[in-house]
Amino acid sequence: MLRLVLAVACLAAGTARAVDDPYPWIAGAYLVKRDGVVLWAGQPDARLAPASLAKMMTALIALERGKLDEPVTLGRGVLQATGTRIGLKTGERLRTGDLLTATVVRSANDACRGLAEHLGPSRNAFIVKMNERAAALGMANTRFADPCGHDHPDQYTSAADLVRLAEEVMKHGEYMRLARLERVSFKTLDGERTFALRNTNALLGRYDGAIGLKTGHTEGAGNCLVALAERDGVRVLAVLLNAPNRWWNAVGLLDRAFAAAR
């Protein structure tokens, strides 16, 4: 614990001078921007596993399509989802927007799987859409092989590419609304089941100005985070991939970025 506290203190005590990689120990790769300008970066183009940060692309495709009130009848794919789940069942009917909510807020893999298969209209077809959208965004060091971010040998991204993706989803007010929700609930369309969800982002409600955007963790990717915060009109975006102490280190980076803006 002491080591973690010292790590944050070292970040906060640094100078305001932007350098290429002042914190090589902070993550496998990272990038920090303040009001659209890069402050610091470490291995920003390195290809690493994205974990659930891949769900930002799933959400982006859903948001660009719209029709969030459209009903979805869940298939068997939701039962095959592993990791974080909310217990969806085959045959249940929900709004597309509620599947999106569970994907963004709770990082629920069964909701993400149901959303992808609805929009695909199959999992594999949806992955094609993900890669086409990534190419259109210029994400040259990204390839998706799973809509929800499960480890796969053919799936990778970079901190720089995730910044591009984050800035794109930030254009959507609905994503921004969901990303900052600490808690949310919704029901199946028949009203028989209610889902009460808590956000996976530990910065919300604890860090001044925290907005989101997405958390992720798998054995192969380690701890990953896209953190967005705003204070007094200054907005800081930080991406960390394979960061053992993502919460402490994200706080340190955000604090130092805000301090440098004064």
Protein backbone atom coordinates (compact mmCIF):
# COMPACT_ATOMS: atom_id res chain seq x y z
CA MET A 1 0.00 0.00 0.00
CA LEU A 2 2.80 2.41 0.88
CA ARG A 3 4.40 1.81 -2.49
CA LEU A 4 1.15 2.70 -4.26
CA VAL A 5 0.76 5.90 -2.29
CA LEU A 6 4.30 6.88 -3.08
CA ALA A 7 3.66 6.22 -6.76
CA VAL A 8 0.79 8.68 -6.78
CA ALA A 9 2.83 11.20 -4.83
CA CYS A 10 5.66 11.00 -7.34
CA LEU A 11 3.23 11.74 -10.16
CA ALA A 12 1.71 14.71 -8.38
CA ALA A 13 5.11 16.17 -7.57
CA GLY A 14 6.39 16.10 -11.15
CA THR A 15 7.01 19.16 -13.28
CA ALA A 16 4.56 20.39 -15.91
CA ARG A 17 6.97 19.71 -18.76
CA ALA A 18 5.58 17.21 -21.29
CA VAL A 19 8.01 14.40 -22.14
CA ASP A 20 7.67 11.24 -24.20
CA ASP A 21 7.57 8.57 -21.48
CA PRO A 22 8.16 9.88 -17.97
CA TYR A 23 6.48 6.89 -16.29
CA PRO A 24 7.61 3.68 -18.02
CA TRP A 25 6.57 1.64 -14.98
CA ILE A 26 2.97 2.81 -14.97
CA ALA A 27 1.53 0.40 -17.55
CA GLY A 28 2.39 -1.79 -20.51
CA ALA A 29 1.25 1.18 -22.60
CA TYR A 30 -0.44 4.48 -21.80
CA LEU A 31 -1.36 7.85 -23.25
CA VAL A 32 -2.65 11.03 -21.57
CA LYS A 33 -4.31 13.97 -23.31
CA ARG A 34 -5.52 17.25 -21.85
CA ASP A 35 -8.04 19.18 -23.93
CA GLY A 36 -7.02 17.19 -26.99
CA VAL A 37 -3.26 17.68 -26.60
CA VAL A 38 -0.98 14.74 -25.78
CA LEU A 39 0.89 15.28 -22.52
CA TRP A 40 2.62 11.94 -21.94
CA ALA A 41 2.77 8.56 -23.62
CA GLY A 42 4.53 5.25 -23.14
CA GLN A 43 4.59 2.70 -25.95
CA PRO A 44 1.44 4.27 -27.44
CA ASP A 45 1.55 2.13 -30.61
CA ALA A 46 2.39 -1.18 -28.92
CA ARG A 47 -0.12 -3.91 -29.73
CA LEU A 48 -1.69 -5.27 -26.55
CA ALA A 49 -4.87 -7.08 -25.59
CA PRO A 50 -7.78 -4.66 -24.97
CA ALA A 51 -9.93 -6.68 -22.54
CA SER A 52 -13.37 -5.05 -22.19
CA LEU A 53 -12.15 -1.78 -23.68
CA ALA A 54 -13.20 -3.51 -26.91
CA LYS A 55 -16.78 -2.91 -25.77
CA MET A 56 -16.35 0.76 -26.66
CA MET A 57 -16.39 -0.27 -30.31
CA THR A 58 -19.46 -2.44 -29.77
CA ALA A 59 -21.14 0.54 -28.12
CA LEU A 60 -20.06 2.91 -30.88
CA ILE A 61 -21.61 0.72 -33.58
CA ALA A 62 -24.83 0.47 -31.59
CA LEU A 63 -24.98 4.23 -31.07
CA GLU A 64 -24.25 5.06 -34.70
CA ARG A 65 -27.01 2.68 -35.76
CA GLY A 66 -29.50 4.17 -33.33
CA LYS A 67 -32.87 2.48 -32.76
CA LEU A 68 -32.12 2.03 -29.07
CA ASP A 69 -35.80 1.43 -28.32
CA GLU A 70 -35.86 -1.55 -30.69
CA PRO A 71 -36.80 -4.82 -28.90
CA VAL A 72 -34.30 -7.69 -28.84
CA THR A 73 -35.18 -11.34 -28.26
CA LEU A 74 -32.08 -12.96 -26.79
CA GLY A 75 -30.63 -16.08 -28.38
CA ARG A 76 -28.53 -18.88 -26.93
CA GLY A 77 -25.37 -16.82 -27.27
CA VAL A 78 -26.05 -15.08 -23.95
CA LEU A 79 -25.71 -18.43 -22.18
CA GLN A 80 -22.27 -18.96 -23.71
CA ALA A 81 -20.91 -15.70 -22.34
CA THR A 82 -18.32 -16.04 -19.57
CA GLY A 83 -16.78 -13.60 -17.10
CA THR A 84 -18.92 -10.71 -15.88
CA ARG A 85 -22.59 -11.43 -16.53
CA ILE A 86 -25.98 -10.19 -15.35
CA GLY A 87 -27.73 -13.52 -15.87
CA LEU A 88 -29.64 -12.96 -19.10
CA LYS A 89 -31.72 -15.87 -20.39
CA THR A 90 -32.52 -17.16 -23.86
CA GLY A 91 -35.89 -15.87 -25.04
CA GLU A 92 -35.95 -12.80 -22.79
CA ARG A 93 -36.79 -9.51 -24.50
CA LEU A 94 -35.08 -6.22 -23.73
CA ARG A 95 -34.57 -2.87 -25.39
CA THR A 96 -31.43 -2.51 -27.47
CA GLY A 97 -30.62 0.47 -25.26
CA ASP A 98 -30.81 -1.67 -22.11
CA LEU A 99 -28.30 -4.14 -23.56
CA LEU A 100 -26.09 -1.15 -24.34
CA THR A 101 -26.52 0.11 -20.78
CA ALA A 102 -25.39 -3.20 -19.27
CA THR A 103 -22.47 -3.33 -21.71
CA VAL A 104 -21.18 0.15 -20.83
CA VAL A 105 -22.05 0.40 -17.14
CA ARG A 106 -21.53 -3.15 -15.88
CA SER A 107 -19.33 -4.48 -18.71
CA ALA A 108 -21.67 -7.47 -18.83
CA ASN A 109 -20.51 -10.02 -21.38
CA ASP A 110 -23.93 -11.63 -21.83
CA ALA A 111 -25.48 -8.24 -22.61
CA CYS A 112 -22.61 -7.43 -24.96
CA ARG A 113 -22.99 -10.78 -26.70
CA GLY A 114 -26.73 -10.27 -27.10
CA LEU A 115 -26.18 -6.77 -28.46
CA ALA A 116 -23.55 -7.92 -30.96
CA GLU A 117 -25.66 -10.81 -32.20
CA HIS A 118 -28.63 -8.51 -32.64
CA LEU A 119 -26.67 -5.92 -34.60
CA GLY A 120 -24.48 -8.42 -36.48
CA PRO A 121 -26.81 -10.20 -37.17
CA SER A 122 -24.31 -12.83 -36.00
CA ARG A 123 -21.26 -12.64 -33.78
CA ASN A 124 -18.84 -13.11 -36.67
CA ALA A 125 -20.67 -10.62 -38.87
CA PHE A 126 -20.49 -8.08 -36.07
CA ILE A 127 -16.74 -8.59 -35.69
CA VAL A 128 -16.40 -7.69 -39.37
CA LYS A 129 -18.27 -4.46 -38.65
CA MET A 130 -15.96 -3.73 -35.72
CA ASN A 131 -12.86 -4.06 -37.87
CA GLU A 132 -14.35 -2.02 -40.69
CA ARG A 133 -15.17 0.80 -38.27
CA ALA A 134 -11.70 0.59 -36.72
CA ALA A 135 -10.13 0.93 -40.16
CA ALA A 136 -12.33 3.94 -40.92
CA LEU A 137 -11.11 5.58 -37.70
CA GLY A 138 -7.48 4.98 -38.66
CA MET A 139 -6.88 2.47 -35.87
CA ALA A 140 -3.90 0.91 -37.65
CA ASN A 141 -2.74 -1.15 -34.66
CA THR A 142 -6.10 -2.66 -33.82
CA ARG A 143 -7.82 -5.89 -34.76
CA PHE A 144 -10.95 -7.20 -33.11
CA ALA A 145 -11.79 -10.89 -32.79
CA ASP A 146 -14.35 -10.76 -29.98
CA PRO A 147 -17.09 -8.12 -29.48
CA CYS A 148 -16.72 -8.16 -25.70
CA GLY A 149 -12.93 -8.23 -25.30
CA HIS A 150 -12.20 -11.82 -24.35
CA ASP A 151 -8.57 -12.78 -24.96
CA HIS A 152 -7.92 -14.03 -28.48
CA PRO A 153 -4.60 -14.42 -30.31
CA ASP A 154 -5.90 -12.31 -33.21
CA GLN A 155 -7.22 -9.47 -31.05
CA TYR A 156 -5.09 -6.47 -30.14
CA THR A 157 -5.12 -2.70 -29.94
CA SER A 158 -2.89 0.18 -28.84
CA ALA A 159 -3.21 3.07 -26.42
CA ALA A 160 -3.14 5.56 -29.30
CA ASP A 161 -5.89 3.70 -31.15
CA LEU A 162 -8.04 3.54 -28.03
CA VAL A 163 -7.74 7.30 -27.66
CA ARG A 164 -9.17 7.64 -31.18
CA LEU A 165 -12.00 5.29 -30.28
CA ALA A 166 -12.68 7.03 -26.97
CA GLU A 167 -12.83 10.43 -28.61
CA GLU A 168 -15.35 9.03 -31.10
CA VAL A 169 -17.68 7.57 -28.47
CA MET A 170 -17.37 10.81 -26.50
CA LYS A 171 -19.26 12.51 -29.35
CA HIS A 172 -22.37 10.55 -28.34
CA GLY A 173 -24.32 12.06 -25.50
CA GLU A 174 -25.92 8.74 -24.63
CA TYR A 175 -22.55 7.08 -24.09
CA MET A 176 -21.43 9.95 -21.89
CA ARG A 177 -24.63 9.71 -19.87
CA LEU A 178 -24.19 5.98 -19.32
CA ALA A 179 -20.47 6.15 -18.60
CA ARG A 180 -20.96 8.45 -15.61
CA LEU A 181 -23.84 6.52 -14.00
CA GLU A 182 -22.81 4.95 -10.71
CA ARG A 183 -25.96 2.82 -10.59
CA VAL A 184 -28.74 2.04 -13.05
CA SER A 185 -31.68 -0.33 -13.35
CA PHE A 186 -33.99 -1.58 -16.10
CA LYS A 187 -36.54 -4.33 -16.69
CA THR A 188 -37.23 -6.96 -19.30
CA LEU A 189 -39.96 -5.84 -21.70
CA ASP A 190 -42.49 -8.11 -20.01
CA GLY A 191 -41.63 -6.52 -16.67
CA GLU A 192 -40.91 -9.85 -15.00
CA ARG A 193 -37.26 -9.21 -14.17
CA THR A 194 -35.42 -6.14 -12.97
CA PHE A 195 -31.66 -5.68 -13.30
CA ALA A 196 -29.92 -3.32 -10.85
CA LEU A 197 -26.37 -2.61 -11.91
CA ARG A 198 -23.38 -0.83 -10.43
CA ASN A 199 -20.68 0.74 -12.57
CA THR A 200 -17.33 -1.07 -12.72
CA ASN A 201 -15.44 2.26 -12.68
CA ALA A 202 -14.10 2.83 -9.16
CA LEU A 203 -13.30 6.49 -9.92
CA LEU A 204 -16.97 7.47 -10.18
CA GLY A 205 -18.15 9.13 -7.00
CA ARG A 206 -14.63 9.00 -5.58
CA TYR A 207 -12.56 11.16 -7.90
CA ASP A 208 -13.56 14.77 -8.44
CA GLY A 209 -14.76 15.28 -12.00
CA ALA A 210 -14.69 11.61 -13.05
CA ILE A 211 -16.92 10.79 -16.04
CA GLY A 212 -15.86 7.27 -17.14
CA LEU A 213 -15.23 5.91 -19.80
CA LYS A 214 -14.52 2.14 -19.66
CA THR A 215 -12.81 -0.52 -17.57
CA GLY A 216 -11.40 -3.87 -18.60
CA HIS A 217 -9.63 -6.91 -17.23
CA THR A 218 -8.68 -10.34 -18.53
CA GLU A 219 -5.84 -12.68 -17.66
CA GLY A 220 -4.09 -11.88 -20.92
CA ALA A 221 -4.70 -8.13 -20.95
CA GLY A 222 -4.24 -7.40 -17.25
CA ASN A 223 -5.95 -4.31 -15.82
CA CYS A 224 -7.01 -1.77 -18.43
CA LEU A 225 -8.72 1.58 -18.17
CA VAL A 226 -9.93 4.52 -20.22
CA ALA A 227 -10.39 7.32 -17.68
CA LEU A 228 -12.04 10.65 -18.45
CA ALA A 229 -12.40 13.53 -15.99
CA GLU A 230 -13.30 17.20 -16.25
CA ARG A 231 -12.71 20.11 -13.87
CA ASP A 232 -13.38 23.80 -14.48
CA GLY A 233 -13.73 23.21 -18.21
CA VAL A 234 -10.46 21.24 -18.47
CA ARG A 235 -10.88 17.69 -19.73
CA VAL A 236 -8.28 14.93 -19.27
CA LEU A 237 -8.35 11.56 -21.02
CA ALA A 238 -6.03 8.74 -19.98
CA VAL A 239 -5.68 5.26 -21.47
CA LEU A 240 -3.79 2.55 -19.57
CA LEU A 241 -3.19 -0.99 -20.86
CA ASN A 242 -1.87 -3.76 -18.61
CA ALA A 243 -1.57 -1.45 -15.61
CA PRO A 244 -1.13 -3.44 -12.37
CA ASN A 245 -2.25 -0.49 -10.22
CA ARG A 246 -4.64 1.17 -12.64
CA TRP A 247 -6.72 3.11 -10.11
CA TRP A 248 -3.81 4.62 -8.20
CA ASN A 249 -1.87 5.36 -11.34
CA ALA A 250 -4.86 6.83 -13.14
CA VAL A 251 -5.48 9.17 -10.20
CA GLY A 252 -1.85 10.25 -10.26
CA LEU A 253 -1.90 10.94 -13.99
CA LEU A 254 -5.19 12.83 -13.84
CA ASP A 255 -4.06 14.89 -10.85
CA ARG A 256 -0.81 15.87 -12.51
CA ALA A 257 -2.56 16.73 -15.79
CA PHE A 258 -5.03 19.00 -14.01
CA ALA A 259 -2.26 20.61 -11.94
CA ALA A 260 -0.27 21.39 -15.09
CA ALA A 261 -3.26 23.25 -16.53
CA ARG A 262 -3.27 25.87 -13.75
